[in-house]
Every structure is written in C-alpha cells, then in structure tokens.
Amino acid sequence: MGVLSEGRPDRGAPLRSVPGSAPPPAAPAAGELDSPLRRRRDALAEEVTELHWDLGGLAYEMAIRDHFRLDVLVRRAAILQERDGELAEVERLLKLEDEAVAGECPTCSAPHSRGAVYCWQCGRTLMERLPSATPAGDEGTTAVMDALLAPRRHTGADG
C-alpha cells in the first residue's frame, strides 16, 4: 500500500491482501454503478474508513503525548458511530433492493424498503391507513361473523 506524506494510505495504490482475510468483492455490473444508493454506500464507506483512521491517529497522538482528552475522543467516536450506522442502513437497503422492490420517501427522497411504514430519515408516514369499507349487500356476512365472534353464554345445565 502506498503512503502519502501525512502518513495516510494512498487511495490510488493497490491494496495488498492480508492472509486469512476475505477476497476483495467482485466488480459490480455496469448497471449497478449508476445506482445512487450504491454511490452513497461507497461515499459512506470511504468516510467511515477515513474517520476510523483519524480516530486511531488521534488516540495514538494523545497516547504518545500522555495527554488524553476523553471529550475529544468521544465526540469523534460519536461522528464515526453515526456514519457507521448510516452505512449499515444503506447496505441493508441495498440488500433489500436486490431482493425486493424499494422506493423513495416523497418528502426527503431517502430510500426505503418494501413494506416500510415510516421513513428512516425524516419519520414521514409512507403508508396511509384507510378504514375498511364493507361492500353494500354483505351485511349478512358481517352479521354471521359478528355472531361467531360474540362471547357465548353458558346455561347452568351445560357445565
């Protein structure tokens, strides 16, 4: 792996495989590169990697100077945790997109999975609840169902 002058890895250099690690993912098909969700996942993955790198470097610098600032570490870790959670959600949505139909929130355009009731980004209701309507002429069916579901009265002779 190449290294830039600041000590960070050169993103253009090829990565070496670590023994016992998983093989690199297969290259996506041509249609998959155009997906906004996949571009968002790639950007988040890069940001999470950078935040990991920065947090580790920050902790190292504090350790060698024997001056830990827990508030700074916690603040940076919270940012990393937030981005990592968002990355996990986008990866979950990508998996669902491969297996099921997904849509977009009409308010914030955040992607959502099939059957989602609320938007995970803004909280908007995605499905409307409509009262069920009984078709005219089915009154008898409803009366029969009501009679079947009504509690039964026991007589003294029954037990």
Protein backbone atom coordinates (compact mmCIF):
# COMPACT_ATOMS: atom_id res chain seq x y z
CA MET A 1 0.00 0.00 0.00
CA GLY A 2 1.42 3.38 -0.92
CA VAL A 3 1.69 6.08 1.74
CA LEU A 4 1.25 9.81 1.35
CA SER A 5 3.47 12.32 3.12
CA GLU A 6 0.97 12.76 6.02
CA GLY A 7 1.21 9.06 6.81
CA ARG A 8 -2.17 8.21 5.34
CA PRO A 9 -2.58 5.42 2.80
CA ASP A 10 -2.56 6.44 -0.83
CA ARG A 11 -6.07 5.65 -2.06
CA GLY A 12 -4.81 5.15 -5.62
CA ALA A 13 -2.33 2.43 -4.65
CA PRO A 14 -3.46 -1.19 -4.93
CA LEU A 15 -4.32 -2.88 -1.66
CA ARG A 16 -2.40 -5.94 -0.58
CA SER A 17 -4.43 -8.89 0.64
CA VAL A 18 -3.93 -9.93 4.24
CA PRO A 19 -3.58 -13.68 4.79
CA GLY A 20 -6.83 -15.11 6.11
CA SER A 21 -8.89 -12.10 5.01
CA ALA A 22 -11.86 -12.25 2.69
CA PRO A 23 -11.17 -11.80 -1.02
CA PRO A 24 -11.98 -8.38 -2.47
CA PRO A 25 -15.59 -8.02 -3.65
CA ALA A 26 -16.31 -8.73 -7.28
CA ALA A 27 -16.57 -5.75 -9.59
CA PRO A 28 -20.21 -4.59 -9.90
CA ALA A 29 -22.08 -4.94 -13.16
CA ALA A 30 -22.35 -1.89 -15.41
CA GLY A 31 -25.94 -1.10 -14.30
CA GLU A 32 -25.01 -1.23 -10.62
CA LEU A 33 -22.52 1.62 -10.93
CA ASP A 34 -25.32 4.07 -11.77
CA SER A 35 -27.34 3.43 -8.61
CA PRO A 36 -27.47 6.49 -6.32
CA LEU A 37 -27.77 4.15 -3.35
CA ARG A 38 -24.56 2.35 -4.32
CA ARG A 39 -22.75 5.67 -4.81
CA ARG A 40 -23.96 6.75 -1.35
CA ARG A 41 -22.72 3.47 0.13
CA ASP A 42 -19.30 3.93 -1.48
CA ALA A 43 -19.04 7.52 -0.23
CA LEU A 44 -20.09 6.48 3.29
CA ALA A 45 -17.66 3.54 3.29
CA GLU A 46 -14.83 5.88 2.35
CA GLU A 47 -15.90 8.39 5.02
CA VAL A 48 -16.13 5.68 7.70
CA THR A 49 -12.66 4.42 6.75
CA GLU A 50 -11.27 7.94 6.99
CA LEU A 51 -12.97 8.53 10.35
CA HIS A 52 -11.54 5.24 11.68
CA TRP A 53 -8.10 6.29 10.51
CA ASP A 54 -8.40 9.74 12.07
CA LEU A 55 -9.74 8.42 15.38
CA GLY A 56 -6.94 5.89 15.65
CA GLY A 57 -4.34 8.55 14.82
CA LEU A 58 -5.86 10.93 17.33
CA ALA A 59 -5.77 8.32 20.08
CA TYR A 60 -2.16 7.46 19.18
CA GLU A 61 -1.07 11.10 19.26
CA MET A 62 -2.74 11.57 22.64
CA ALA A 63 -1.08 8.40 23.96
CA ILE A 64 2.46 9.35 22.93
CA ARG A 65 1.99 12.79 24.48
CA ASP A 66 0.44 11.24 27.61
CA HIS A 67 -2.41 13.73 27.41
CA PHE A 68 -5.79 12.15 26.75
CA ARG A 69 -8.81 14.34 26.08
CA LEU A 70 -11.72 11.98 26.50
CA ASP A 71 -14.25 14.61 25.39
CA VAL A 72 -12.47 14.94 22.02
CA LEU A 73 -12.29 11.17 21.54
CA VAL A 74 -15.94 10.69 22.47
CA ARG A 75 -17.05 13.46 20.10
CA ARG A 76 -15.08 11.97 17.19
CA ALA A 77 -16.28 8.45 18.02
CA ALA A 78 -19.91 9.69 18.01
CA ILE A 79 -19.46 11.06 14.49
CA LEU A 80 -17.94 7.75 13.41
CA GLN A 81 -20.78 5.81 15.04
CA GLU A 82 -23.39 7.94 13.27
CA ARG A 83 -21.80 7.43 9.84
CA ASP A 84 -21.27 3.73 10.50
CA GLY A 85 -24.96 3.35 11.38
CA GLU A 86 -25.98 5.17 8.22
CA LEU A 87 -23.66 2.94 6.19
CA ALA A 88 -25.22 -0.17 7.76
CA GLU A 89 -28.71 1.10 6.88
CA VAL A 90 -27.72 1.83 3.28
CA GLU A 91 -26.15 -1.62 2.98
CA ARG A 92 -29.34 -3.16 4.40
CA LEU A 93 -31.39 -1.22 1.85
CA LEU A 94 -29.09 -2.35 -0.96
CA LYS A 95 -29.59 -5.95 0.11
CA LEU A 96 -33.35 -5.44 0.16
CA GLU A 97 -33.18 -3.70 -3.20
CA ASP A 98 -31.54 -6.79 -4.65
CA GLU A 99 -34.27 -8.98 -3.14
CA ALA A 100 -37.34 -6.72 -3.12
CA VAL A 101 -38.85 -3.58 -4.54
CA ALA A 102 -37.73 -0.39 -2.79
CA GLY A 103 -38.95 3.18 -3.11
CA GLU A 104 -38.16 6.75 -2.14
CA CYS A 105 -39.67 8.95 0.55
CA PRO A 106 -41.75 11.68 -1.12
CA THR A 107 -40.52 14.24 1.44
CA CYS A 108 -36.76 13.71 1.73
CA SER A 109 -36.08 11.21 -1.12
CA ALA A 110 -34.44 8.75 1.29
CA PRO A 111 -34.68 5.18 0.01
CA HIS A 112 -36.95 2.77 1.83
CA SER A 113 -37.61 -0.94 1.65
CA ARG A 114 -40.82 -2.57 0.52
CA GLY A 115 -43.43 -2.51 3.27
CA ALA A 116 -41.80 0.31 5.25
CA VAL A 117 -44.39 2.25 7.23
CA TYR A 118 -42.18 5.22 8.19
CA CYS A 119 -39.19 6.89 6.53
CA TRP A 120 -36.00 6.10 8.46
CA GLN A 121 -34.56 9.54 7.60
CA CYS A 122 -37.36 12.03 8.28
CA GLY A 123 -40.02 9.90 10.00
CA ARG A 124 -42.80 10.63 7.49
CA THR A 125 -45.58 8.06 7.22
CA LEU A 126 -45.12 6.15 3.97
CA MET A 127 -48.33 4.09 4.07
CA GLU A 128 -51.78 5.53 4.56
CA ARG A 129 -54.26 3.74 6.79
CA LEU A 130 -57.70 3.75 5.26
CA PRO A 131 -60.78 2.48 7.08
CA SER A 132 -62.06 -0.73 5.56
CA ALA A 133 -65.35 -0.39 3.80
CA THR A 134 -67.97 -3.12 3.80
CA PRO A 135 -69.38 -3.57 0.31
CA ALA A 136 -73.13 -3.00 0.06
CA GLY A 137 -75.10 -6.22 0.29
CA ASP A 138 -72.57 -8.02 2.51
CA GLU A 139 -74.43 -7.13 5.71
CA GLY A 140 -75.41 -10.78 6.20
CA THR A 141 -71.78 -11.95 6.10
CA THR A 142 -70.83 -9.36 8.70
CA ALA A 143 -73.74 -10.37 10.92
CA VAL A 144 -72.70 -14.03 10.70
CA MET A 145 -69.10 -13.16 11.59
CA ASP A 146 -70.27 -10.99 14.49
CA ALA A 147 -72.37 -13.87 15.81
CA LEU A 148 -69.44 -16.28 15.55
CA LEU A 149 -67.09 -13.91 17.36
CA ALA A 150 -69.54 -12.91 20.12
CA PRO A 151 -68.94 -14.48 23.54
CA ARG A 152 -71.17 -17.48 24.21
CA ARG A 153 -73.49 -17.65 27.18
CA HIS A 154 -73.39 -20.81 29.16
CA THR A 155 -76.51 -22.31 30.64
CA GLY A 156 -76.50 -23.98 34.01
CA ALA A 157 -77.11 -27.43 32.50
CA ASP A 158 -74.01 -27.19 30.25
CA GLY A 159 -71.45 -27.16 32.93
